[in-house]
């Protein structure tokens, strides 16, 4: 999935905001909210994405919670911890463009996570929009909307068609949330017809 992220998508640039990282005193508790704006649901209005990180101090594993808000309502939520990968931040090339534990941990949580999770699609993303491919949006979305498809296949097909049009026109973006830097969720698009995110591609 990591390879697909780099090769199949154009990452939408963004700016994340939070207190300076690393903090002046790394022994103090960490409780920071990093935010960015993007029109995640494709309605023409910027949505707020928040990554909340907490820890007893900077050098301890972070617990994190990701939320996406649209018009004040939470439309996506995911949480986790970096306890398993905590030592990896000190390894060379685990996070690109940084050096050492402190620099790389800051770069991942305070910049890369939110910058890399929002992806702008185009016709170059051949696999996603290939109607003949077994892992394109036309197949994968139906699989994850199987109950809805059983009840009303035409509604699901219309929703997929609408999502494709929004993605290709740039009115909508895909999101791909991270459990860890090399472990992601499937890329997803918001489908207003069902008020949920639906996967659009699967390796």
N, C-alpha and C. Protein backbone atom coordinates (compact mmCIF):
# COMPACT_ATOMS: atom_id res chain seq x y z
N UNK A 1 0.82 -1.20 0.00
CA UNK A 1 0.00 0.00 0.00
C UNK A 1 0.85 1.26 0.00
N UNK A 2 2.02 1.20 0.67
CA UNK A 2 2.92 2.35 0.69
C UNK A 2 3.38 2.68 -0.71
N UNK A 3 3.72 1.63 -1.50
CA UNK A 3 4.17 1.85 -2.87
C UNK A 3 3.08 2.48 -3.71
N UNK A 4 1.85 2.00 -3.53
CA UNK A 4 0.73 2.55 -4.28
C UNK A 4 0.52 4.02 -3.94
N UNK A 5 0.71 4.36 -2.68
CA UNK A 5 0.51 5.74 -2.25
C UNK A 5 1.45 6.67 -3.00
N UNK A 6 2.71 6.26 -3.13
CA UNK A 6 3.70 7.12 -3.77
C UNK A 6 3.54 7.14 -5.27
N UNK A 7 3.26 5.98 -5.85
CA UNK A 7 3.28 5.88 -7.30
C UNK A 7 1.95 6.22 -7.96
N UNK A 8 0.84 6.01 -7.27
CA UNK A 8 -0.45 6.15 -7.92
C UNK A 8 -1.16 7.45 -7.61
N UNK A 9 -0.67 8.22 -6.65
CA UNK A 9 -1.37 9.42 -6.23
C UNK A 9 -0.45 10.62 -6.23
N UNK A 10 -1.03 11.78 -6.49
CA UNK A 10 -0.34 13.04 -6.29
C UNK A 10 -0.74 13.56 -4.92
N UNK A 11 0.23 13.75 -4.03
CA UNK A 11 -0.07 14.18 -2.67
C UNK A 11 -0.35 15.68 -2.67
N UNK A 12 -1.46 16.05 -2.10
CA UNK A 12 -1.86 17.45 -2.03
C UNK A 12 -1.06 18.16 -0.96
N UNK A 13 -0.33 19.20 -1.34
CA UNK A 13 0.50 19.91 -0.37
C UNK A 13 -0.38 20.67 0.61
N UNK A 14 0.13 20.84 1.81
CA UNK A 14 -0.64 21.51 2.85
C UNK A 14 0.30 21.99 3.93
N UNK A 15 -0.24 22.78 4.83
CA UNK A 15 0.52 23.26 5.98
C UNK A 15 -0.17 22.79 7.24
N UNK A 16 0.59 22.19 8.13
CA UNK A 16 0.05 21.77 9.42
C UNK A 16 0.49 22.76 10.48
N UNK A 17 -0.36 23.03 11.44
CA UNK A 17 -0.07 24.03 12.45
C UNK A 17 -0.08 23.40 13.84
N UNK A 18 0.91 23.74 14.64
CA UNK A 18 0.98 23.28 16.03
C UNK A 18 2.09 24.06 16.70
N UNK A 19 2.31 23.79 17.98
CA UNK A 19 3.42 24.40 18.68
C UNK A 19 4.73 23.89 18.08
N UNK A 20 5.83 24.62 18.29
CA UNK A 20 7.12 24.18 17.73
C UNK A 20 7.46 22.77 18.19
N UNK A 21 8.07 22.03 17.31
CA UNK A 21 8.51 20.68 17.63
C UNK A 21 9.99 20.55 17.24
N UNK A 22 10.84 20.05 18.15
CA UNK A 22 10.52 19.54 19.48
C UNK A 22 10.24 20.67 20.47
N UNK A 23 9.56 20.38 21.56
CA UNK A 23 9.30 21.42 22.57
C UNK A 23 10.60 21.83 23.27
N UNK A 24 10.59 22.99 23.86
CA UNK A 24 11.78 23.46 24.57
C UNK A 24 12.18 22.54 25.71
N UNK A 25 11.17 21.95 26.37
CA UNK A 25 11.43 21.03 27.47
C UNK A 25 10.82 19.69 27.12
N UNK A 26 11.63 18.72 26.71
CA UNK A 26 11.12 17.42 26.27
C UNK A 26 10.67 16.53 27.42
N UNK A 27 10.86 16.99 28.66
CA UNK A 27 10.43 16.19 29.81
C UNK A 27 8.98 16.46 30.18
N UNK A 28 8.40 17.51 29.62
CA UNK A 28 7.02 17.87 29.96
C UNK A 28 6.02 17.05 29.14
N UNK A 29 4.78 16.91 29.63
CA UNK A 29 3.76 16.18 28.87
C UNK A 29 3.50 16.82 27.51
N UNK A 30 3.19 15.98 26.55
CA UNK A 30 2.83 16.43 25.20
C UNK A 30 1.32 16.34 25.05
N UNK A 31 0.70 17.43 24.61
CA UNK A 31 -0.74 17.46 24.36
C UNK A 31 -0.97 18.50 23.27
N UNK A 32 -0.85 18.07 22.02
CA UNK A 32 -0.87 18.99 20.89
C UNK A 32 -1.91 18.56 19.85
N UNK A 33 -2.52 19.54 19.21
CA UNK A 33 -3.45 19.29 18.11
C UNK A 33 -2.88 19.93 16.85
N UNK A 34 -2.57 19.09 15.88
CA UNK A 34 -2.07 19.57 14.59
C UNK A 34 -3.26 19.61 13.64
N UNK A 35 -3.45 20.70 12.91
CA UNK A 35 -4.63 20.82 12.06
C UNK A 35 -4.27 21.21 10.64
N UNK A 36 -5.16 20.91 9.74
CA UNK A 36 -5.07 21.40 8.36
C UNK A 36 -6.47 21.47 7.79
N UNK A 37 -6.62 22.19 6.70
CA UNK A 37 -7.90 22.33 6.04
C UNK A 37 -7.85 21.71 4.66
N UNK A 38 -8.91 21.03 4.28
CA UNK A 38 -9.05 20.47 2.94
C UNK A 38 -10.52 20.15 2.72
N UNK A 39 -10.97 20.27 1.48
CA UNK A 39 -12.36 19.93 1.17
C UNK A 39 -12.45 18.42 0.99
N UNK A 40 -12.57 17.73 2.09
CA UNK A 40 -12.54 16.27 2.09
C UNK A 40 -13.83 15.67 1.53
N UNK A 41 -14.97 16.31 1.79
CA UNK A 41 -16.23 15.72 1.34
C UNK A 41 -16.72 16.27 0.00
N UNK A 42 -15.93 17.16 -0.62
CA UNK A 42 -16.24 17.62 -1.97
C UNK A 42 -17.45 18.52 -2.09
N UNK A 43 -17.80 19.24 -1.02
CA UNK A 43 -18.97 20.12 -1.09
C UNK A 43 -18.60 21.58 -1.33
N UNK A 44 -17.32 21.83 -1.61
CA UNK A 44 -16.86 23.19 -1.88
C UNK A 44 -16.50 23.98 -0.64
N UNK A 45 -16.61 23.36 0.53
CA UNK A 45 -16.30 24.03 1.80
C UNK A 45 -15.14 23.29 2.47
N UNK A 46 -14.16 24.06 2.94
CA UNK A 46 -13.00 23.46 3.61
C UNK A 46 -13.41 22.75 4.90
N UNK A 47 -12.91 21.54 5.06
CA UNK A 47 -13.15 20.76 6.26
C UNK A 47 -11.90 20.78 7.14
N UNK A 48 -12.09 20.61 8.43
CA UNK A 48 -10.96 20.63 9.36
C UNK A 48 -10.53 19.21 9.70
N UNK A 49 -9.22 18.97 9.56
CA UNK A 49 -8.62 17.70 9.93
C UNK A 49 -7.74 17.93 11.14
N UNK A 50 -7.92 17.13 12.16
CA UNK A 50 -7.16 17.28 13.39
C UNK A 50 -6.43 15.99 13.75
N UNK A 51 -5.17 16.13 14.11
CA UNK A 51 -4.40 15.02 14.66
C UNK A 51 -3.98 15.42 16.07
N UNK A 52 -4.54 14.75 17.07
CA UNK A 52 -4.29 15.07 18.47
C UNK A 52 -3.29 14.06 19.00
N UNK A 53 -2.12 14.55 19.45
CA UNK A 53 -1.09 13.66 19.99
C UNK A 53 -0.89 13.96 21.47
N UNK A 54 -0.75 12.88 22.26
CA UNK A 54 -0.56 13.03 23.71
C UNK A 54 0.48 12.02 24.19
N UNK A 55 1.24 12.43 25.20
CA UNK A 55 2.23 11.54 25.78
C UNK A 55 2.69 12.12 27.12
N UNK A 56 3.28 11.27 27.97
CA UNK A 56 3.78 11.77 29.26
C UNK A 56 4.99 12.67 29.08
N UNK A 57 5.72 12.50 27.96
CA UNK A 57 6.80 13.41 27.57
C UNK A 57 7.16 13.12 26.11
N UNK A 58 7.97 14.00 25.53
CA UNK A 58 8.24 13.88 24.09
C UNK A 58 8.95 12.57 23.74
N UNK A 59 9.77 12.06 24.64
CA UNK A 59 10.55 10.86 24.34
C UNK A 59 9.82 9.56 24.65
N UNK A 60 8.55 9.66 24.99
CA UNK A 60 7.71 8.48 25.21
C UNK A 60 6.79 8.29 24.01
N UNK A 61 6.25 7.09 23.82
CA UNK A 61 5.33 6.86 22.70
C UNK A 61 4.14 7.82 22.74
N UNK A 62 3.72 8.25 21.56
CA UNK A 62 2.55 9.11 21.44
C UNK A 62 1.29 8.26 21.27
N UNK A 63 0.24 8.64 21.95
CA UNK A 63 -1.10 8.18 21.59
C UNK A 63 -1.70 9.26 20.70
N UNK A 64 -2.40 8.85 19.64
CA UNK A 64 -2.91 9.85 18.71
C UNK A 64 -4.37 9.55 18.34
N UNK A 65 -5.05 10.61 17.98
CA UNK A 65 -6.44 10.49 17.52
C UNK A 65 -6.62 11.42 16.32
N UNK A 66 -7.12 10.86 15.25
CA UNK A 66 -7.38 11.61 14.02
C UNK A 66 -8.88 11.84 13.87
N UNK A 67 -9.26 13.09 13.58
CA UNK A 67 -10.67 13.39 13.33
C UNK A 67 -10.80 14.32 12.13
N UNK A 68 -11.89 14.13 11.40
CA UNK A 68 -12.24 15.04 10.31
C UNK A 68 -13.61 15.61 10.60
N UNK A 69 -13.71 16.93 10.53
CA UNK A 69 -14.96 17.62 10.81
C UNK A 69 -15.49 18.28 9.53
N UNK A 70 -16.77 18.09 9.27
CA UNK A 70 -17.45 18.79 8.17
C UNK A 70 -18.64 19.53 8.75
N UNK A 71 -18.61 20.85 8.60
CA UNK A 71 -19.68 21.70 9.15
C UNK A 71 -19.89 21.43 10.64
N UNK A 72 -18.79 21.21 11.35
CA UNK A 72 -18.85 20.99 12.79
C UNK A 72 -19.17 19.57 13.21
N UNK A 73 -19.47 18.69 12.27
CA UNK A 73 -19.82 17.31 12.58
C UNK A 73 -18.64 16.39 12.28
N UNK A 74 -18.37 15.45 13.18
CA UNK A 74 -17.29 14.49 12.97
C UNK A 74 -17.72 13.46 11.93
N UNK A 75 -16.97 13.39 10.81
CA UNK A 75 -17.31 12.43 9.76
C UNK A 75 -16.29 11.30 9.65
N UNK A 76 -15.20 11.42 10.40
CA UNK A 76 -14.20 10.34 10.39
C UNK A 76 -13.42 10.40 11.70
N UNK A 77 -13.08 9.21 12.24
CA UNK A 77 -12.35 9.16 13.49
C UNK A 77 -11.50 7.89 13.51
N UNK A 78 -10.27 8.04 13.93
CA UNK A 78 -9.35 6.90 14.01
C UNK A 78 -8.33 7.21 15.11
N UNK A 79 -7.88 6.20 15.83
CA UNK A 79 -6.92 6.43 16.90
C UNK A 79 -5.91 5.30 16.95
N UNK A 80 -4.79 5.58 17.63
CA UNK A 80 -3.76 4.56 17.73
C UNK A 80 -2.61 5.03 18.60
N UNK A 81 -1.50 4.30 18.52
CA UNK A 81 -0.31 4.61 19.29
C UNK A 81 0.91 4.25 18.45
N UNK A 82 2.01 4.98 18.68
CA UNK A 82 3.24 4.66 17.96
C UNK A 82 4.20 3.85 18.83
N UNK A 83 3.68 3.16 19.84
CA UNK A 83 4.53 2.43 20.77
C UNK A 83 5.41 1.40 20.05
N UNK A 84 4.86 0.67 19.09
CA UNK A 84 5.63 -0.37 18.40
C UNK A 84 6.78 0.22 17.59
N UNK A 85 6.54 1.37 16.98
CA UNK A 85 7.54 1.93 16.07
C UNK A 85 8.41 3.01 16.73
N UNK A 86 8.21 3.26 18.02
CA UNK A 86 8.95 4.32 18.71
C UNK A 86 10.46 4.27 18.44
N UNK A 87 11.12 3.11 18.53
CA UNK A 87 12.58 3.08 18.28
C UNK A 87 12.96 3.37 16.83
N UNK A 88 12.01 3.17 15.91
CA UNK A 88 12.35 3.29 14.48
C UNK A 88 12.63 4.73 14.07
N UNK A 89 12.10 5.71 14.83
CA UNK A 89 12.34 7.10 14.45
C UNK A 89 13.83 7.46 14.47
N UNK A 90 14.61 6.69 15.19
CA UNK A 90 16.05 6.94 15.25
C UNK A 90 16.80 6.28 14.09
N UNK A 91 16.10 5.43 13.32
CA UNK A 91 16.76 4.71 12.23
C UNK A 91 16.83 5.54 10.97
N UNK A 92 17.93 5.45 10.28
CA UNK A 92 18.13 6.20 9.05
C UNK A 92 17.15 5.74 7.97
N UNK A 93 16.51 6.71 7.33
CA UNK A 93 15.60 6.49 6.20
C UNK A 93 14.24 5.91 6.60
N UNK A 94 13.96 5.76 7.90
CA UNK A 94 12.61 5.31 8.27
C UNK A 94 11.59 6.39 7.90
N UNK A 95 11.92 7.64 8.21
CA UNK A 95 11.16 8.79 7.74
C UNK A 95 12.09 9.58 6.83
N UNK A 96 11.68 9.86 5.62
CA UNK A 96 12.56 10.54 4.67
C UNK A 96 12.67 12.03 5.00
N UNK A 97 13.82 12.60 4.68
CA UNK A 97 14.02 14.03 4.81
C UNK A 97 14.27 14.50 6.22
N UNK A 98 14.75 13.62 7.10
CA UNK A 98 15.04 14.01 8.48
C UNK A 98 16.21 13.19 8.98
N UNK A 99 16.76 13.61 10.13
CA UNK A 99 17.90 12.91 10.70
C UNK A 99 17.73 12.79 12.21
N UNK A 100 17.73 11.58 12.72
CA UNK A 100 17.70 11.36 14.16
C UNK A 100 16.29 11.26 14.72
N UNK A 101 16.21 10.70 15.92
CA UNK A 101 14.93 10.43 16.58
C UNK A 101 14.05 11.68 16.70
N UNK A 102 14.61 12.75 17.25
CA UNK A 102 13.82 13.95 17.52
C UNK A 102 13.29 14.56 16.23
N UNK A 103 14.18 14.75 15.27
CA UNK A 103 13.80 15.38 14.00
C UNK A 103 12.75 14.55 13.27
N UNK A 104 12.95 13.24 13.24
CA UNK A 104 12.04 12.38 12.46
C UNK A 104 10.68 12.21 13.14
N UNK A 105 10.66 12.15 14.46
CA UNK A 105 9.38 12.04 15.17
C UNK A 105 8.57 13.32 14.97
N UNK A 106 9.24 14.46 15.04
CA UNK A 106 8.56 15.74 14.78
C UNK A 106 8.03 15.78 13.35
N UNK A 107 8.86 15.41 12.41
CA UNK A 107 8.47 15.50 11.00
C UNK A 107 7.25 14.63 10.71
N UNK A 108 7.23 13.42 11.28
CA UNK A 108 6.12 12.51 10.99
C UNK A 108 4.80 13.03 11.57
N UNK A 109 4.80 13.31 12.86
CA UNK A 109 3.54 13.68 13.51
C UNK A 109 3.11 15.12 13.23
N UNK A 110 4.04 16.05 13.14
CA UNK A 110 3.68 17.45 13.03
C UNK A 110 3.61 17.95 11.59
N UNK A 111 4.01 17.12 10.63
CA UNK A 111 3.97 17.55 9.23
C UNK A 111 3.48 16.45 8.29
N UNK A 112 4.24 15.36 8.21
CA UNK A 112 3.98 14.37 7.16
C UNK A 112 2.63 13.69 7.26
N UNK A 113 2.19 13.36 8.47
CA UNK A 113 0.95 12.58 8.60
C UNK A 113 -0.20 13.27 7.88
N UNK A 114 -0.47 14.51 8.21
CA UNK A 114 -1.62 15.20 7.61
C UNK A 114 -1.35 15.58 6.16
N UNK A 115 -0.09 15.90 5.84
CA UNK A 115 0.21 16.27 4.46
C UNK A 115 0.05 15.09 3.51
N UNK A 116 0.36 13.88 3.98
CA UNK A 116 0.33 12.72 3.10
C UNK A 116 -1.02 12.01 3.06
N UNK A 117 -1.90 12.31 4.00
CA UNK A 117 -3.16 11.57 4.04
C UNK A 117 -4.20 12.10 3.06
N UNK A 118 -4.03 13.34 2.59
CA UNK A 118 -4.99 13.94 1.66
C UNK A 118 -4.40 13.92 0.26
N UNK A 119 -5.11 13.29 -0.67
CA UNK A 119 -4.56 13.07 -2.00
C UNK A 119 -5.50 13.57 -3.10
N UNK A 120 -4.95 14.35 -3.98
CA UNK A 120 -5.72 14.85 -5.12
C UNK A 120 -5.57 13.86 -6.28
N UNK A 121 -6.69 13.46 -6.84
CA UNK A 121 -6.67 12.45 -7.89
C UNK A 121 -6.64 13.09 -9.28
N UNK A 122 -6.28 12.28 -10.27
CA UNK A 122 -6.32 12.72 -11.67
C UNK A 122 -6.47 11.50 -12.57
N UNK A 123 -6.60 11.74 -13.85
CA UNK A 123 -6.73 10.63 -14.81
C UNK A 123 -5.45 9.81 -14.89
N UNK A 124 -4.35 10.31 -14.30
CA UNK A 124 -3.11 9.54 -14.27
C UNK A 124 -3.22 8.33 -13.34
N UNK A 125 -4.17 8.36 -12.42
CA UNK A 125 -4.37 7.26 -11.49
C UNK A 125 -5.16 6.15 -12.19
N UNK A 126 -4.52 5.54 -13.15
CA UNK A 126 -5.19 4.61 -14.06
C UNK A 126 -5.88 3.48 -13.32
N UNK A 127 -5.22 2.88 -12.36
CA UNK A 127 -5.79 1.73 -11.68
C UNK A 127 -7.10 2.02 -10.97
N UNK A 128 -7.23 3.23 -10.44
CA UNK A 128 -8.44 3.59 -9.70
C UNK A 128 -9.65 3.68 -10.63
N UNK A 129 -9.44 4.18 -11.84
CA UNK A 129 -10.56 4.49 -12.72
C UNK A 129 -10.72 3.52 -13.90
N UNK A 130 -10.00 2.40 -13.86
CA UNK A 130 -10.08 1.41 -14.92
C UNK A 130 -11.28 0.49 -14.67
N UNK A 131 -12.30 0.62 -15.50
CA UNK A 131 -13.52 -0.17 -15.31
C UNK A 131 -13.29 -1.67 -15.46
N UNK A 132 -12.21 -2.06 -16.12
CA UNK A 132 -11.94 -3.48 -16.32
C UNK A 132 -11.07 -4.08 -15.22
N UNK A 133 -10.53 -3.24 -14.35
CA UNK A 133 -9.62 -3.73 -13.30
C UNK A 133 -10.40 -4.27 -12.11
N UNK A 134 -9.92 -5.35 -11.51
CA UNK A 134 -10.63 -5.94 -10.37
C UNK A 134 -10.46 -5.17 -9.06
N UNK A 135 -9.56 -4.18 -9.06
CA UNK A 135 -9.31 -3.42 -7.83
C UNK A 135 -9.58 -1.93 -8.01
N UNK A 136 -10.39 -1.56 -9.01
CA UNK A 136 -10.71 -0.16 -9.24
C UNK A 136 -11.88 0.28 -8.37
N UNK A 137 -12.19 1.54 -8.41
CA UNK A 137 -13.30 2.09 -7.63
C UNK A 137 -14.62 1.41 -7.99
N UNK A 138 -14.76 1.00 -9.24
CA UNK A 138 -16.02 0.42 -9.70
C UNK A 138 -16.30 -0.93 -9.05
N UNK A 139 -15.25 -1.64 -8.67
CA UNK A 139 -15.40 -2.95 -8.04
C UNK A 139 -15.29 -2.82 -6.52
N UNK A 140 -14.25 -2.12 -6.07
CA UNK A 140 -13.98 -2.03 -4.63
C UNK A 140 -15.11 -1.31 -3.89
N UNK A 141 -15.59 -0.20 -4.45
CA UNK A 141 -16.66 0.54 -3.77
C UNK A 141 -17.91 -0.32 -3.62
N UNK A 142 -18.25 -1.09 -4.64
CA UNK A 142 -19.41 -1.98 -4.55
C UNK A 142 -19.22 -3.03 -3.46
N UNK A 143 -17.99 -3.52 -3.35
CA UNK A 143 -17.71 -4.53 -2.34
C UNK A 143 -17.96 -3.98 -0.94
N UNK A 144 -17.55 -2.75 -0.71
CA UNK A 144 -17.71 -2.15 0.62
C UNK A 144 -19.10 -1.54 0.83
N UNK A 145 -19.87 -1.53 -0.24
CA UNK A 145 -21.27 -1.10 -0.14
C UNK A 145 -22.18 -2.26 -0.50
N UNK A 146 -21.79 -3.45 -0.11
CA UNK A 146 -22.51 -4.65 -0.54
C UNK A 146 -23.96 -4.67 -0.06
N UNK A 147 -24.21 -4.24 1.17
CA UNK A 147 -25.57 -4.22 1.68
C UNK A 147 -26.41 -3.22 0.91
N UNK A 148 -25.83 -2.05 0.69
CA UNK A 148 -26.55 -1.00 -0.07
C UNK A 148 -26.77 -1.45 -1.52
N UNK A 149 -25.79 -2.17 -2.07
CA UNK A 149 -25.90 -2.62 -3.46
C UNK A 149 -27.00 -3.66 -3.60
N UNK A 150 -27.12 -4.53 -2.62
CA UNK A 150 -28.18 -5.54 -2.65
C UNK A 150 -29.56 -4.89 -2.65
N UNK A 151 -29.71 -3.84 -1.87
CA UNK A 151 -30.99 -3.16 -1.76
C UNK A 151 -31.29 -2.30 -2.99
N UNK A 152 -30.27 -1.58 -3.48
CA UNK A 152 -30.50 -0.64 -4.57
C UNK A 152 -29.23 -0.47 -5.40
N UNK A 153 -28.97 -1.40 -6.32
CA UNK A 153 -27.73 -1.35 -7.11
C UNK A 153 -27.60 -0.08 -7.94
N UNK A 154 -28.70 0.44 -8.45
CA UNK A 154 -28.63 1.65 -9.28
C UNK A 154 -28.16 2.84 -8.46
N UNK A 155 -28.59 2.92 -7.21
CA UNK A 155 -28.17 4.03 -6.34
C UNK A 155 -26.67 3.96 -6.07
N UNK A 156 -26.16 2.76 -5.85
CA UNK A 156 -24.72 2.59 -5.61
C UNK A 156 -23.94 2.94 -6.87
N UNK A 157 -24.38 2.47 -8.02
CA UNK A 157 -23.68 2.76 -9.26
C UNK A 157 -23.68 4.26 -9.56
N UNK A 158 -24.77 4.93 -9.25
CA UNK A 158 -24.84 6.37 -9.45
C UNK A 158 -23.90 7.10 -8.48
N UNK A 159 -23.83 6.61 -7.25
CA UNK A 159 -22.94 7.21 -6.26
C UNK A 159 -21.48 7.06 -6.69
N UNK A 160 -21.12 5.90 -7.22
CA UNK A 160 -19.76 5.68 -7.71
C UNK A 160 -19.47 6.61 -8.88
N UNK A 161 -20.41 6.72 -9.80
CA UNK A 161 -20.25 7.61 -10.95
C UNK A 161 -20.04 9.06 -10.48
N UNK A 162 -20.82 9.48 -9.52
CA UNK A 162 -20.67 10.84 -8.99
C UNK A 162 -19.32 11.04 -8.32
N UNK A 163 -18.87 10.02 -7.59
CA UNK A 163 -17.57 10.11 -6.91
C UNK A 163 -16.44 10.22 -7.92
N UNK A 164 -16.52 9.43 -8.98
CA UNK A 164 -15.50 9.48 -10.03
C UNK A 164 -15.45 10.88 -10.65
N UNK A 165 -16.60 11.44 -10.93
CA UNK A 165 -16.65 12.78 -11.52
C UNK A 165 -16.05 13.82 -10.59
N UNK A 166 -16.34 13.73 -9.30
CA UNK A 166 -15.79 14.69 -8.33
C UNK A 166 -14.28 14.53 -8.21
N UNK A 167 -13.81 13.29 -8.17
CA UNK A 167 -12.38 13.05 -8.04
C UNK A 167 -11.61 13.54 -9.27
N UNK A 168 -12.11 13.24 -10.45
CA UNK A 168 -11.41 13.62 -11.67
C UNK A 168 -11.47 15.12 -11.93
N UNK A 169 -12.50 15.77 -11.45
CA UNK A 169 -12.62 17.22 -11.64
C UNK A 169 -11.86 18.01 -10.59
N UNK A 170 -11.41 17.32 -9.54
CA UNK A 170 -10.71 18.00 -8.47
C UNK A 170 -11.62 18.55 -7.40
N UNK A 171 -12.93 18.31 -7.52
CA UNK A 171 -13.87 18.80 -6.51
C UNK A 171 -13.80 17.99 -5.22
N UNK A 172 -13.29 16.77 -5.32
CA UNK A 172 -13.14 15.92 -4.14
C UNK A 172 -11.72 15.39 -4.08
N UNK A 173 -11.29 15.01 -2.90
CA UNK A 173 -9.99 14.39 -2.69
C UNK A 173 -10.19 13.03 -2.05
N UNK A 174 -9.17 12.20 -2.14
CA UNK A 174 -9.18 10.92 -1.44
C UNK A 174 -8.39 11.09 -0.15
N UNK A 175 -8.71 10.27 0.84
CA UNK A 175 -7.91 10.27 2.06
C UNK A 175 -7.38 8.88 2.31
N UNK A 176 -6.22 8.85 2.97
CA UNK A 176 -5.60 7.57 3.33
C UNK A 176 -4.97 7.76 4.70
N UNK A 177 -5.62 7.26 5.74
CA UNK A 177 -5.14 7.45 7.10
C UNK A 177 -4.07 6.42 7.42
N UNK A 178 -3.19 6.77 8.33
CA UNK A 178 -2.06 5.92 8.68
C UNK A 178 -2.22 5.29 10.05
N UNK A 179 -1.94 4.00 10.14
CA UNK A 179 -1.74 3.36 11.45
C UNK A 179 -0.28 3.58 11.87
N UNK A 180 0.62 3.45 10.90
CA UNK A 180 2.04 3.69 11.05
C UNK A 180 2.54 4.23 9.71
N UNK A 181 3.75 4.79 9.65
CA UNK A 181 4.23 5.35 8.38
C UNK A 181 4.13 4.42 7.18
N UNK A 182 4.27 3.11 7.40
CA UNK A 182 4.22 2.17 6.28
C UNK A 182 2.95 1.32 6.30
N UNK A 183 2.02 1.64 7.18
CA UNK A 183 0.75 0.90 7.24
C UNK A 183 -0.39 1.90 7.15
N UNK A 184 -1.16 1.82 6.08
CA UNK A 184 -2.23 2.78 5.84
C UNK A 184 -3.57 2.09 5.70
N UNK A 185 -4.62 2.89 5.79
CA UNK A 185 -5.93 2.39 5.40
C UNK A 185 -6.01 2.41 3.89
N UNK A 186 -7.04 1.77 3.34
CA UNK A 186 -7.27 1.88 1.91
C UNK A 186 -7.63 3.33 1.56
N UNK A 187 -7.23 3.82 0.39
CA UNK A 187 -7.65 5.17 -0.01
C UNK A 187 -9.17 5.21 -0.12
N UNK A 188 -9.76 6.28 0.39
CA UNK A 188 -11.21 6.37 0.47
C UNK A 188 -11.71 7.71 -0.04
N UNK A 189 -12.96 7.73 -0.49
CA UNK A 189 -13.62 8.97 -0.89
C UNK A 189 -14.95 9.07 -0.15
N UNK A 190 -15.32 10.29 0.17
CA UNK A 190 -16.60 10.52 0.84
C UNK A 190 -17.74 10.39 -0.16
N UNK A 191 -18.74 9.59 0.18
CA UNK A 191 -19.93 9.46 -0.65
C UNK A 191 -21.11 10.03 0.12
N UNK A 192 -21.57 11.22 -0.26
CA UNK A 192 -22.67 11.85 0.47
C UNK A 192 -23.96 11.05 0.41
N UNK A 193 -24.12 10.24 -0.62
CA UNK A 193 -25.32 9.43 -0.74
C UNK A 193 -25.49 8.47 0.44
N UNK A 194 -24.36 8.09 1.05
CA UNK A 194 -24.39 7.14 2.16
C UNK A 194 -23.76 7.71 3.43
N UNK A 195 -23.36 8.97 3.37
CA UNK A 195 -22.76 9.67 4.52
C UNK A 195 -21.61 8.88 5.14
N UNK A 196 -20.71 8.41 4.28
CA UNK A 196 -19.57 7.64 4.76
C UNK A 196 -18.44 7.65 3.74
N UNK A 197 -17.23 7.33 4.23
CA UNK A 197 -16.10 7.14 3.34
C UNK A 197 -16.11 5.72 2.81
N UNK A 198 -15.80 5.59 1.52
CA UNK A 198 -15.82 4.29 0.86
C UNK A 198 -14.48 4.08 0.15
N UNK A 199 -13.83 2.92 0.34
CA UNK A 199 -12.57 2.65 -0.35
C UNK A 199 -12.72 2.68 -1.86
N UNK A 200 -11.65 3.12 -2.54
CA UNK A 200 -11.70 3.26 -4.00
C UNK A 200 -10.64 2.44 -4.72
N UNK A 201 -9.73 1.83 -3.97
CA UNK A 201 -8.65 1.07 -4.60
C UNK A 201 -8.08 0.10 -3.59
N UNK A 202 -7.66 -1.06 -4.07
CA UNK A 202 -7.06 -2.06 -3.16
C UNK A 202 -6.00 -2.82 -3.91
N UNK A 203 -4.79 -2.86 -3.35
CA UNK A 203 -3.71 -3.62 -3.97
C UNK A 203 -3.97 -5.11 -3.93
